[in-house]
Amino acid sequence: MEKGGDTHDFKDIVDGVQSGHMQLWFGANGCAVTEIIVYPNKKVLHIFLAGGDKGHGIEQLTDMNDDAIAWGKAQGCDGMSISGRKGWQRVLESEGWKQQFTTLVKEF
């Protein structure tokens, strides 16, 4: 979780999944965590944490893509988003994903 900016710790994820605020998706070699974000004009299923066995993280995310899309649609979501490192873009573009914006952070 340190590669994700240390925004959550393990207990935060467990509490979020148990409360239903977050969803835990299992793949053959890893898992992903999502949450639904409601904007004024759009509802999005957002993947904010994903990982797995070394070399399989991206594969397991693409394996879950269809199930997550179906579930998101059933929840009334208009689309999906992901926060991740640059390498995700290269692989996910073949699944129909596109870069919408870049997030920069400055800690103080």
PDB file of N, CA and C in Angstrom:
ATOM      1  N   MET A   1       0.811  -1.194   0.000  1.00  0.00           N
ATOM      2  CA  MET A   1       0.000   0.000   0.000  1.00  0.00           C
ATOM      3  C   MET A   1       0.855   1.259   0.000  1.00  0.00           C
ATOM      4  N   GLU A   2       2.149   1.095   0.305  1.00  0.00           N
ATOM      5  CA  GLU A   2       3.026   2.265   0.279  1.00  0.00           C
ATOM      6  C   GLU A   2       3.197   2.811  -1.128  1.00  0.00           C
ATOM      7  N   LYS A   3       3.086   1.974  -2.150  1.00  0.00           N
ATOM      8  CA  LYS A   3       3.191   2.457  -3.531  1.00  0.00           C
ATOM      9  C   LYS A   3       1.955   3.244  -3.934  1.00  0.00           C
ATOM     10  N   GLY A   4       0.899   3.126  -3.166  1.00  0.00           N
ATOM     11  CA  GLY A   4      -0.327   3.856  -3.428  1.00  0.00           C
ATOM     12  C   GLY A   4      -0.413   5.170  -2.680  1.00  0.00           C
ATOM     13  N   GLY A   5       0.682   5.579  -2.059  1.00  0.00           N
ATOM     14  CA  GLY A   5       0.701   6.865  -1.376  1.00  0.00           C
ATOM     15  C   GLY A   5       0.384   6.786   0.104  1.00  0.00           C
ATOM     16  N   ASP A   6       0.313   5.576   0.646  1.00  0.00           N
ATOM     17  CA  ASP A   6       0.020   5.394   2.078  1.00  0.00           C
ATOM     18  C   ASP A   6      -1.288   6.057   2.503  1.00  0.00           C
ATOM     19  N   THR A   7      -2.279   6.062   1.639  1.00  0.00           N
ATOM     20  CA  THR A   7      -3.568   6.668   1.985  1.00  0.00           C
ATOM     21  C   THR A   7      -4.430   5.773   2.858  1.00  0.00           C
ATOM     22  N   HIS A   8      -4.151   4.473   2.843  1.00  0.00           N
ATOM     23  CA  HIS A   8      -4.916   3.508   3.630  1.00  0.00           C
ATOM     24  C   HIS A   8      -3.949   2.517   4.259  1.00  0.00           C
ATOM     25  N   ASP A   9      -4.362   1.959   5.394  1.00  0.00           N
ATOM     26  CA  ASP A   9      -3.610   0.829   5.929  1.00  0.00           C
ATOM     27  C   ASP A   9      -4.505  -0.408   5.834  1.00  0.00           C
ATOM     28  N   PHE A  10      -3.972  -1.556   6.213  1.00  0.00           N
ATOM     29  CA  PHE A  10      -4.699  -2.814   6.066  1.00  0.00           C
ATOM     30  C   PHE A  10      -6.040  -2.778   6.795  1.00  0.00           C
ATOM     31  N   LYS A  11      -6.059  -2.226   7.999  1.00  0.00           N
ATOM     32  CA  LYS A  11      -7.302  -2.160   8.775  1.00  0.00           C
ATOM     33  C   LYS A  11      -8.351  -1.300   8.071  1.00  0.00           C
ATOM     34  N   ASP A  12      -7.925  -0.219   7.447  1.00  0.00           N
ATOM     35  CA  ASP A  12      -8.868   0.626   6.700  1.00  0.00           C
ATOM     36  C   ASP A  12      -9.557  -0.168   5.594  1.00  0.00           C
ATOM     37  N   ILE A  13      -8.786  -1.002   4.905  1.00  0.00           N
ATOM     38  CA  ILE A  13      -9.346  -1.810   3.819  1.00  0.00           C
ATOM     39  C   ILE A  13     -10.312  -2.847   4.373  1.00  0.00           C
ATOM     40  N   VAL A  14      -9.910  -3.540   5.430  1.00  0.00           N
ATOM     41  CA  VAL A  14     -10.785  -4.543   6.056  1.00  0.00           C
ATOM     42  C   VAL A  14     -12.083  -3.887   6.509  1.00  0.00           C
ATOM     43  N   ASP A  15     -11.989  -2.760   7.201  1.00  0.00           N
ATOM     44  CA  ASP A  15     -13.188  -2.056   7.667  1.00  0.00           C
ATOM     45  C   ASP A  15     -14.060  -1.610   6.497  1.00  0.00           C
ATOM     46  N   GLY A  16     -13.445  -1.101   5.432  1.00  0.00           N
ATOM     47  CA  GLY A  16     -14.201  -0.648   4.269  1.00  0.00           C
ATOM     48  C   GLY A  16     -14.938  -1.770   3.567  1.00  0.00           C
ATOM     49  N   VAL A  17     -14.298  -2.930   3.454  1.00  0.00           N
ATOM     50  CA  VAL A  17     -14.940  -4.090   2.821  1.00  0.00           C
ATOM     51  C   VAL A  17     -16.062  -4.613   3.716  1.00  0.00           C
ATOM     52  N   GLN A  18     -15.801  -4.712   5.012  1.00  0.00           N
ATOM     53  CA  GLN A  18     -16.821  -5.221   5.932  1.00  0.00           C
ATOM     54  C   GLN A  18     -18.039  -4.307   5.999  1.00  0.00           C
ATOM     55  N   SER A  19     -17.827  -3.003   5.864  1.00  0.00           N
ATOM     56  CA  SER A  19     -18.947  -2.060   5.914  1.00  0.00           C
ATOM     57  C   SER A  19     -19.704  -1.983   4.595  1.00  0.00           C
ATOM     58  N   GLY A  20     -19.112  -2.531   3.526  1.00  0.00           N
ATOM     59  CA  GLY A  20     -19.739  -2.463   2.212  1.00  0.00           C
ATOM     60  C   GLY A  20     -19.360  -1.226   1.421  1.00  0.00           C
ATOM     61  N   HIS A  21     -18.562  -0.340   2.022  1.00  0.00           N
ATOM     62  CA  HIS A  21     -18.116   0.867   1.313  1.00  0.00           C
ATOM     63  C   HIS A  21     -17.107   0.525   0.217  1.00  0.00           C
ATOM     64  N   MET A  22     -16.339  -0.534   0.435  1.00  0.00           N
ATOM     65  CA  MET A  22     -15.343  -0.984  -0.539  1.00  0.00           C
ATOM     66  C   MET A  22     -15.663  -2.413  -0.956  1.00  0.00           C
ATOM     67  N   GLN A  23     -15.184  -2.787  -2.136  1.00  0.00           N
ATOM     68  CA  GLN A  23     -15.410  -4.132  -2.650  1.00  0.00           C
ATOM     69  C   GLN A  23     -14.056  -4.790  -2.890  1.00  0.00           C
ATOM     70  N   LEU A  24     -13.945  -6.049  -2.510  1.00  0.00           N
ATOM     71  CA  LEU A  24     -12.713  -6.805  -2.687  1.00  0.00           C
ATOM     72  C   LEU A  24     -12.921  -7.810  -3.805  1.00  0.00           C
ATOM     73  N   TRP A  25     -12.058  -7.750  -4.816  1.00  0.00           N
ATOM     74  CA  TRP A  25     -12.134  -8.618  -5.985  1.00  0.00           C
ATOM     75  C   TRP A  25     -10.927  -9.539  -5.988  1.00  0.00           C
ATOM     76  N   PHE A  26     -11.173 -10.838  -6.084  1.00  0.00           N
ATOM     77  CA  PHE A  26     -10.083 -11.810  -6.103  1.00  0.00           C
ATOM     78  C   PHE A  26      -9.810 -12.281  -7.522  1.00  0.00           C
ATOM     79  N   GLY A  27      -8.548 -12.410  -7.855  1.00  0.00           N
ATOM     80  CA  GLY A  27      -8.107 -13.004  -9.105  1.00  0.00           C
ATOM     81  C   GLY A  27      -7.249 -14.206  -8.788  1.00  0.00           C
ATOM     82  N   ALA A  28      -6.804 -14.897  -9.801  1.00  0.00           N
ATOM     83  CA  ALA A  28      -5.990 -16.095  -9.602  1.00  0.00           C
ATOM     84  C   ALA A  28      -4.674 -15.781  -8.904  1.00  0.00           C
ATOM     85  N   ASN A  29      -4.122 -14.607  -9.135  1.00  0.00           N
ATOM     86  CA  ASN A  29      -2.805 -14.270  -8.599  1.00  0.00           C
ATOM     87  C   ASN A  29      -2.783 -13.001  -7.765  1.00  0.00           C
ATOM     88  N   GLY A  30      -3.940 -12.478  -7.394  1.00  0.00           N
ATOM     89  CA  GLY A  30      -3.948 -11.251  -6.613  1.00  0.00           C
ATOM     90  C   GLY A  30      -5.357 -10.767  -6.355  1.00  0.00           C
ATOM     91  N   CYS A  31      -5.471  -9.499  -6.024  1.00  0.00           N
ATOM     92  CA  CYS A  31      -6.785  -8.933  -5.737  1.00  0.00           C
ATOM     93  C   CYS A  31      -6.784  -7.439  -6.047  1.00  0.00           C
ATOM     94  N   ALA A  32      -7.974  -6.877  -6.041  1.00  0.00           N
ATOM     95  CA  ALA A  32      -8.150  -5.443  -6.248  1.00  0.00           C
ATOM     96  C   ALA A  32      -9.224  -4.959  -5.286  1.00  0.00           C
ATOM     97  N   VAL A  33      -9.177  -3.681  -4.961  1.00  0.00           N
ATOM     98  CA  VAL A  33     -10.175  -3.073  -4.088  1.00  0.00           C
ATOM     99  C   VAL A  33     -10.791  -1.899  -4.843  1.00  0.00           C
ATOM    100  N   THR A  34     -12.114  -1.850  -4.826  1.00  0.00           N
ATOM    101  CA  THR A  34     -12.838  -0.775  -5.498  1.00  0.00           C
ATOM    102  C   THR A  34     -13.729  -0.044  -4.507  1.00  0.00           C
ATOM    103  N   GLU A  35     -14.172   1.113  -4.936  1.00  0.00           N
ATOM    104  CA  GLU A  35     -15.190   1.865  -4.211  1.00  0.00           C
ATOM    105  C   GLU A  35     -16.008   2.622  -5.247  1.00  0.00           C
ATOM    106  N   ILE A  36     -17.243   2.890  -4.931  1.00  0.00           N
ATOM    107  CA  ILE A  36     -18.088   3.668  -5.831  1.00  0.00           C
ATOM    108  C   ILE A  36     -17.952   5.135  -5.443  1.00  0.00           C
ATOM    109  N   ILE A  37     -17.641   5.954  -6.430  1.00  0.00           N
ATOM    110  CA  ILE A  37     -17.542   7.398  -6.222  1.00  0.00           C
ATOM    111  C   ILE A  37     -18.699   8.047  -6.967  1.00  0.00           C
ATOM    112  N   VAL A  38     -19.467   8.860  -6.253  1.00  0.00           N
ATOM    113  CA  VAL A  38     -20.602   9.556  -6.855  1.00  0.00           C
ATOM    114  C   VAL A  38     -20.223  11.025  -7.034  1.00  0.00           C
ATOM    115  N   TYR A  39     -20.091  11.421  -8.290  1.00  0.00           N
ATOM    116  CA  TYR A  39     -19.834  12.808  -8.654  1.00  0.00           C
ATOM    117  C   TYR A  39     -21.173  13.465  -8.986  1.00  0.00           C
ATOM    118  N   PRO A  40     -21.222  14.796  -9.112  1.00  0.00           N
ATOM    119  CA  PRO A  40     -22.499  15.431  -9.444  1.00  0.00           C
ATOM    120  C   PRO A  40     -23.136  14.911 -10.740  1.00  0.00           C
ATOM    121  N   ASN A  41     -22.316  14.540 -11.737  1.00  0.00           N
ATOM    122  CA  ASN A  41     -22.866  14.128 -13.026  1.00  0.00           C
ATOM    123  C   ASN A  41     -22.557  12.694 -13.416  1.00  0.00           C
ATOM    124  N   LYS A  42     -21.937  11.944 -12.527  1.00  0.00           N
ATOM    125  CA  LYS A  42     -21.511  10.600 -12.907  1.00  0.00           C
ATOM    126  C   LYS A  42     -21.277   9.750 -11.665  1.00  0.00           C
ATOM    127  N   LYS A  43     -21.502   8.459 -11.811  1.00  0.00           N
ATOM    128  CA  LYS A  43     -21.229   7.479 -10.757  1.00  0.00           C
ATOM    129  C   LYS A  43     -20.199   6.499 -11.316  1.00  0.00           C
ATOM    130  N   VAL A  44     -19.081   6.329 -10.608  1.00  0.00           N
ATOM    131  CA  VAL A  44     -17.946   5.581 -11.139  1.00  0.00           C
ATOM    132  C   VAL A  44     -17.489   4.505 -10.161  1.00  0.00           C
ATOM    133  N   LEU A  45     -17.206   3.322 -10.686  1.00  0.00           N
ATOM    134  CA  LEU A  45     -16.563   2.270  -9.904  1.00  0.00           C
ATOM    135  C   LEU A  45     -15.064   2.507 -10.021  1.00  0.00           C
ATOM    136  N   HIS A  46     -14.429   2.862  -8.907  1.00  0.00           N
ATOM    137  CA  HIS A  46     -13.021   3.269  -8.909  1.00  0.00           C
ATOM    138  C   HIS A  46     -12.139   2.191  -8.286  1.00  0.00           C
ATOM    139  N   ILE A  47     -11.143   1.742  -9.044  1.00  0.00           N
ATOM    140  CA  ILE A  47     -10.149   0.795  -8.540  1.00  0.00           C
ATOM    141  C   ILE A  47      -9.018   1.626  -7.950  1.00  0.00           C
ATOM    142  N   PHE A  48      -8.833   1.533  -6.635  1.00  0.00           N
ATOM    143  CA  PHE A  48      -7.772   2.339  -6.045  1.00  0.00           C
ATOM    144  C   PHE A  48      -6.640   1.515  -5.455  1.00  0.00           C
ATOM    145  N   LEU A  49      -6.797   0.201  -5.459  1.00  0.00           N
ATOM    146  CA  LEU A  49      -5.750  -0.654  -4.923  1.00  0.00           C
ATOM    147  C   LEU A  49      -5.786  -1.978  -5.670  1.00  0.00           C
ATOM    148  N   ALA A  50      -4.654  -2.397  -6.178  1.00  0.00           N
ATOM    149  CA  ALA A  50      -4.574  -3.688  -6.875  1.00  0.00           C
ATOM    150  C   ALA A  50      -3.160  -4.220  -6.736  1.00  0.00           C
ATOM    151  N   GLY A  51      -3.057  -5.502  -6.625  1.00  0.00           N
ATOM    152  CA  GLY A  51      -1.736  -6.105  -6.518  1.00  0.00           C
ATOM    153  C   GLY A  51      -1.831  -7.610  -6.558  1.00  0.00           C
ATOM    154  N   GLY A  52      -0.688  -8.221  -6.599  1.00  0.00           N
ATOM    155  CA  GLY A  52      -0.664  -9.672  -6.642  1.00  0.00           C
ATOM    156  C   GLY A  52       0.742 -10.193  -6.737  1.00  0.00           C
ATOM    157  N   ASP A  53       0.836 -11.451  -7.106  1.00  0.00           N
ATOM    158  CA  ASP A  53       2.142 -12.074  -7.266  1.00  0.00           C
ATOM    159  C   ASP A  53       2.965 -11.275  -8.264  1.00  0.00           C
ATOM    160  N   LYS A  54       4.237 -11.191  -8.012  1.00  0.00           N
ATOM    161  CA  LYS A  54       5.121 -10.416  -8.877  1.00  0.00           C
ATOM    162  C   LYS A  54       4.953 -10.841 -10.339  1.00  0.00           C
ATOM    163  N   GLY A  55       4.714  -9.855 -11.183  1.00  0.00           N
ATOM    164  CA  GLY A  55       4.559 -10.115 -12.607  1.00  0.00           C
ATOM    165  C   GLY A  55       3.148 -10.475 -13.031  1.00  0.00           C
ATOM    166  N   HIS A  56       2.209 -10.584 -12.076  1.00  0.00           N
ATOM    167  CA  HIS A  56       0.844 -10.986 -12.419  1.00  0.00           C
ATOM    168  C   HIS A  56      -0.206  -9.945 -12.046  1.00  0.00           C
ATOM    169  N   GLY A  57       0.201  -8.820 -11.471  1.00  0.00           N
ATOM    170  CA  GLY A  57      -0.763  -7.829 -11.013  1.00  0.00           C
ATOM    171  C   GLY A  57      -1.670  -7.322 -12.108  1.00  0.00           C
ATOM    172  N   ILE A  58      -1.083  -6.953 -13.236  1.00  0.00           N
ATOM    173  CA  ILE A  58      -1.875  -6.414 -14.336  1.00  0.00           C
ATOM    174  C   ILE A  58      -2.751  -7.502 -14.946  1.00  0.00           C
ATOM    175  N   GLU A  59      -2.218  -8.715 -15.071  1.00  0.00           N
ATOM    176  CA  GLU A  59      -3.009  -9.821 -15.622  1.00  0.00           C
ATOM    177  C   GLU A  59      -4.252 -10.080 -14.787  1.00  0.00           C
ATOM    178  N   GLN A  60      -4.094 -10.101 -13.478  1.00  0.00           N
ATOM    179  CA  GLN A  60      -5.248 -10.407 -12.641  1.00  0.00           C
ATOM    180  C   GLN A  60      -6.282  -9.296 -12.723  1.00  0.00           C
ATOM    181  N   LEU A  61      -5.858  -8.052 -12.925  1.00  0.00           N
ATOM    182  CA  LEU A  61      -6.814  -6.964 -13.051  1.00  0.00           C
ATOM    183  C   LEU A  61      -7.617  -7.096 -14.336  1.00  0.00           C
ATOM    184  N   THR A  62      -6.965  -7.432 -15.433  1.00  0.00           N
ATOM    185  CA  THR A  62      -7.700  -7.604 -16.687  1.00  0.00           C
ATOM    186  C   THR A  62      -8.617  -8.820 -16.614  1.00  0.00           C
ATOM    187  N   ASP A  63      -8.244  -9.849 -15.841  1.00  0.00           N
ATOM    188  CA  ASP A  63      -9.112 -11.019 -15.661  1.00  0.00           C
ATOM    189  C   ASP A  63     -10.406 -10.652 -14.943  1.00  0.00           C
ATOM    190  N   MET A  64     -10.364  -9.674 -14.056  1.00  0.00           N
ATOM    191  CA  MET A  64     -11.538  -9.261 -13.278  1.00  0.00           C
ATOM    192  C   MET A  64     -12.377  -8.215 -13.999  1.00  0.00           C
ATOM    193  N   ASN A  65     -11.887  -7.686 -15.097  1.00  0.00           N
ATOM    194  CA  ASN A  65     -12.506  -6.560 -15.783  1.00  0.00           C
ATOM    195  C   ASN A  65     -13.987  -6.797 -16.098  1.00  0.00           C
ATOM    196  N   ASP A  66     -14.323  -7.913 -16.714  1.00  0.00           N
ATOM    197  CA  ASP A  66     -15.711  -8.171 -17.115  1.00  0.00           C
ATOM    198  C   ASP A  66     -16.643  -8.274 -15.913  1.00  0.00           C
ATOM    199  N   ASP A  67     -16.204  -8.972 -14.862  1.00  0.00           N
ATOM    200  CA  ASP A  67     -17.037  -9.099 -13.664  1.00  0.00           C
ATOM    201  C   ASP A  67     -17.252  -7.747 -12.990  1.00  0.00           C
ATOM    202  N   ALA A  68     -16.195  -6.951 -12.914  1.00  0.00           N
ATOM    203  CA  ALA A  68     -16.308  -5.637 -12.287  1.00  0.00           C
ATOM    204  C   ALA A  68     -17.219  -4.721 -13.096  1.00  0.00           C
ATOM    205  N   ILE A  69     -17.114  -4.772 -14.412  1.00  0.00           N
ATOM    206  CA  ILE A  69     -17.989  -3.963 -15.267  1.00  0.00           C
ATOM    207  C   ILE A  69     -19.450  -4.360 -15.057  1.00  0.00           C
ATOM    208  N   ALA A  70     -19.731  -5.653 -15.066  1.00  0.00           N
ATOM    209  CA  ALA A  70     -21.106  -6.127 -14.871  1.00  0.00           C
ATOM    210  C   ALA A  70     -21.641  -5.684 -13.513  1.00  0.00           C
ATOM    211  N   TRP A  71     -20.825  -5.820 -12.473  1.00  0.00           N
ATOM    212  CA  TRP A  71     -21.255  -5.425 -11.134  1.00  0.00           C
ATOM    213  C   TRP A  71     -21.467  -3.918 -11.072  1.00  0.00           C
ATOM    214  N   GLY A  72     -20.539  -3.149 -11.650  1.00  0.00           N
ATOM    215  CA  GLY A  72     -20.669  -1.697 -11.654  1.00  0.00           C
ATOM    216  C   GLY A  72     -21.935  -1.235 -12.361  1.00  0.00           C
ATOM    217  N   LYS A  73     -22.241  -1.841 -13.494  1.00  0.00           N
ATOM    218  CA  LYS A  73     -23.478  -1.511 -14.212  1.00  0.00           C
ATOM    219  C   LYS A  73     -24.697  -1.814 -13.352  1.00  0.00           C
ATOM    220  N   ALA A  74     -24.677  -2.946 -12.655  1.00  0.00           N
ATOM    221  CA  ALA A  74     -25.798  -3.325 -11.786  1.00  0.00           C
ATOM    222  C   ALA A  74     -25.977  -2.331 -10.634  1.00  0.00           C
ATOM    223  N   GLN A  75     -24.906  -1.641 -10.259  1.00  0.00           N
ATOM    224  CA  GLN A  75     -24.976  -0.638  -9.194  1.00  0.00           C
ATOM    225  C   GLN A  75     -25.320   0.748  -9.730  1.00  0.00           C
ATOM    226  N   GLY A  76     -25.511   0.850 -11.037  1.00  0.00           N
ATOM    227  CA  GLY A  76     -25.857   2.128 -11.647  1.00  0.00           C
ATOM    228  C   GLY A  76     -24.664   2.994 -12.016  1.00  0.00           C
ATOM    229  N   CYS A  77     -23.475   2.394 -12.067  1.00  0.00           N
ATOM    230  CA  CYS A  77     -22.275   3.157 -12.431  1.00  0.00           C
ATOM    231  C   CYS A  77     -22.247   3.426 -13.934  1.00  0.00           C
ATOM    232  N   ASP A  78     -21.669   4.562 -14.288  1.00  0.00           N
ATOM    233  CA  ASP A  78     -21.533   4.959 -15.689  1.00  0.00           C
ATOM    234  C   ASP A  78     -20.214   4.513 -16.296  1.00  0.00           C
ATOM    235  N   GLY A  79     -19.253   4.131 -15.462  1.00  0.00           N
ATOM    236  CA  GLY A  79     -17.943   3.722 -15.946  1.00  0.00           C
ATOM    237  C   GLY A  79     -17.038   3.345 -14.795  1.00  0.00           C
ATOM    238  N   MET A  80     -15.774   3.131 -15.130  1.00  0.00           N
ATOM    239  CA  MET A  80     -14.770   2.765 -14.135  1.00  0.00           C
ATOM    240  C   MET A  80     -13.578   3.702 -14.257  1.00  0.00           C
ATOM    241  N   SER A  81     -12.848   3.831 -13.165  1.00  0.00           N
ATOM    242  CA  SER A  81     -11.589   4.571 -13.169  1.00  0.00           C
ATOM    243  C   SER A  81     -10.586   3.792 -12.333  1.00  0.00           C
ATOM    244  N   ILE A  82      -9.331   4.090 -12.532  1.00  0.00           N
ATOM    245  CA  ILE A  82      -8.276   3.439 -11.765  1.00  0.00           C
ATOM    246  C   ILE A  82      -7.195   4.458 -11.448  1.00  0.00           C
ATOM    247  N   SER A  83      -6.689   4.380 -10.243  1.00  0.00           N
ATOM    248  CA  SER A  83      -5.498   5.137  -9.861  1.00  0.00           C
ATOM    249  C   SER A  83      -4.368   4.135  -9.791  1.00  0.00           C
ATOM    250  N   GLY A  84      -3.311   4.400 -10.503  1.00  0.00           N
ATOM    251  CA  GLY A  84      -2.208   3.454 -10.506  1.00  0.00           C
ATOM    252  C   GLY A  84      -0.964   4.045 -11.128  1.00  0.00           C
ATOM    253  N   ARG A  85       0.049   3.241 -11.176  1.00  0.00           N
ATOM    254  CA  ARG A  85       1.310   3.676 -11.762  1.00  0.00           C
ATOM    255  C   ARG A  85       1.239   3.623 -13.289  1.00  0.00           C
ATOM    256  N   LYS A  86       2.181   4.266 -13.923  1.00  0.00           N
ATOM    257  CA  LYS A  86       2.193   4.436 -15.381  1.00  0.00           C
ATOM    258  C   LYS A  86       2.074   3.117 -16.147  1.00  0.00           C
ATOM    259  N   GLY A  87       2.667   2.041 -15.645  1.00  0.00           N
ATOM    260  CA  GLY A  87       2.644   0.764 -16.348  1.00  0.00           C
ATOM    261  C   GLY A  87       1.254   0.198 -16.586  1.00  0.00           C
ATOM    262  N   TRP A  88       0.288   0.566 -15.747  1.00  0.00           N
ATOM    263  CA  TRP A  88      -1.078   0.074 -15.932  1.00  0.00           C
ATOM    264  C   TRP A  88      -1.658   0.566 -17.256  1.00  0.00           C
ATOM    265  N   GLN A  89      -1.326   1.789 -17.642  1.00  0.00           N
ATOM    266  CA  GLN A  89      -1.904   2.372 -18.853  1.00  0.00           C
ATOM    267  C   GLN A  89      -1.593   1.537 -20.085  1.00  0.00           C
ATOM    268  N   ARG A  90      -0.360   1.143 -20.231  1.00  0.00           N
ATOM    269  CA  ARG A  90       0.066   0.386 -21.420  1.00  0.00           C
ATOM    270  C   ARG A  90      -0.770  -0.881 -21.597  1.00  0.00           C
ATOM    271  N   VAL A  91      -0.994  -1.597 -20.526  1.00  0.00           N
ATOM    272  CA  VAL A  91      -1.728  -2.861 -20.615  1.00  0.00           C
ATOM    273  C   VAL A  91      -3.232  -2.633 -20.705  1.00  0.00           C
ATOM    274  N   LEU A  92      -3.760  -1.701 -19.937  1.00  0.00           N
ATOM    275  CA  LEU A  92      -5.207  -1.515 -19.894  1.00  0.00           C
ATOM    276  C   LEU A  92      -5.771  -0.845 -21.139  1.00  0.00           C
ATOM    277  N   GLU A  93      -4.949  -0.141 -21.910  1.00  0.00           N
ATOM    278  CA  GLU A  93      -5.442   0.448 -23.155  1.00  0.00           C
ATOM    279  C   GLU A  93      -5.992  -0.623 -24.092  1.00  0.00           C
ATOM    280  N   SER A  94      -5.409  -1.816 -24.077  1.00  0.00           N
ATOM    281  CA  SER A  94      -5.908  -2.904 -24.930  1.00  0.00           C
ATOM    282  C   SER A  94      -7.262  -3.424 -24.453  1.00  0.00           C
ATOM    283  N   GLU A  95      -7.663  -3.046 -23.234  1.00  0.00           N
ATOM    284  CA  GLU A  95      -8.963  -3.434 -22.684  1.00  0.00           C
ATOM    285  C   GLU A  95      -9.988  -2.306 -22.829  1.00  0.00           C
ATOM    286  N   GLY A  96      -9.623  -1.251 -23.563  1.00  0.00           N
ATOM    287  CA  GLY A  96     -10.549  -0.148 -23.795  1.00  0.00           C
ATOM    288  C   GLY A  96     -10.408   1.027 -22.834  1.00  0.00           C
ATOM    289  N   TRP A  97      -9.398   1.008 -21.988  1.00  0.00           N
ATOM    290  CA  TRP A  97      -9.166   2.105 -21.055  1.00  0.00           C
ATOM    291  C   TRP A  97      -8.393   3.214 -21.766  1.00  0.00           C
ATOM    292  N   LYS A  98      -8.563   4.459 -21.313  1.00  0.00           N
ATOM    293  CA  LYS A  98      -7.793   5.578 -21.848  1.00  0.00           C
ATOM    294  C   LYS A  98      -7.393   6.503 -20.704  1.00  0.00           C
ATOM    295  N   GLN A  99      -6.284   7.199 -20.895  1.00  0.00           N
ATOM    296  CA  GLN A  99      -5.839   8.152 -19.884  1.00  0.00           C
ATOM    297  C   GLN A  99      -6.733   9.370 -19.940  1.00  0.00           C
ATOM    298  N   GLN A 100      -7.288   9.751 -18.790  1.00  0.00           N
ATOM    299  CA  GLN A 100      -8.149  10.924 -18.740  1.00  0.00           C
ATOM    300  C   GLN A 100      -7.422  12.109 -18.118  1.00  0.00           C
ATOM    301  N   PHE A 101      -6.652  11.863 -17.073  1.00  0.00           N
ATOM    302  CA  PHE A 101      -5.889  12.921 -16.437  1.00  0.00           C
ATOM    303  C   PHE A 101      -4.745  12.310 -15.651  1.00  0.00           C
ATOM    304  N   THR A 102      -3.862  13.149 -15.174  1.00  0.00           N
ATOM    305  CA  THR A 102      -2.729  12.721 -14.373  1.00  0.00           C
ATOM    306  C   THR A 102      -2.850  13.362 -12.999  1.00  0.00           C
ATOM    307  N   THR A 103      -2.585  12.602 -11.972  1.00  0.00           N
ATOM    308  CA  THR A 103      -2.622  13.115 -10.611  1.00  0.00           C
ATOM    309  C   THR A 103      -1.195  13.271 -10.097  1.00  0.00           C
ATOM    310  N   LEU A 104      -0.889  14.441  -9.607  1.00  0.00           N
ATOM    311  CA  LEU A 104       0.402  14.705  -8.987  1.00  0.00           C
ATOM    312  C   LEU A 104       0.163  14.997  -7.510  1.00  0.00           C
ATOM    313  N   VAL A 105       1.092  14.616  -6.662  1.00  0.00           N
ATOM    314  CA  VAL A 105       0.949  14.899  -5.233  1.00  0.00           C
ATOM    315  C   VAL A 105       2.203  15.578  -4.706  1.00  0.00           C
ATOM    316  N   LYS A 106       2.018  16.380  -3.685  1.00  0.00           N
ATOM    317  CA  LYS A 106       3.128  17.002  -2.966  1.00  0.00           C
ATOM    318  C   LYS A 106       2.829  16.835  -1.489  1.00  0.00           C
ATOM    319  N   GLU A 107       3.708  16.160  -0.804  1.00  0.00           N
ATOM    320  CA  GLU A 107       3.499  15.943   0.625  1.00  0.00           C
ATOM    321  C   GLU A 107       4.159  17.055   1.418  1.00  0.00           C
ATOM    322  N   PHE A 108       3.561  17.377   2.548  1.00  0.00           N
ATOM    323  CA  PHE A 108       4.147  18.359   3.455  1.00  0.00           C
ATOM    324  C   PHE A 108       3.768  18.031   4.881  1.00  0.00           C
TER     325      PHE A 108
END
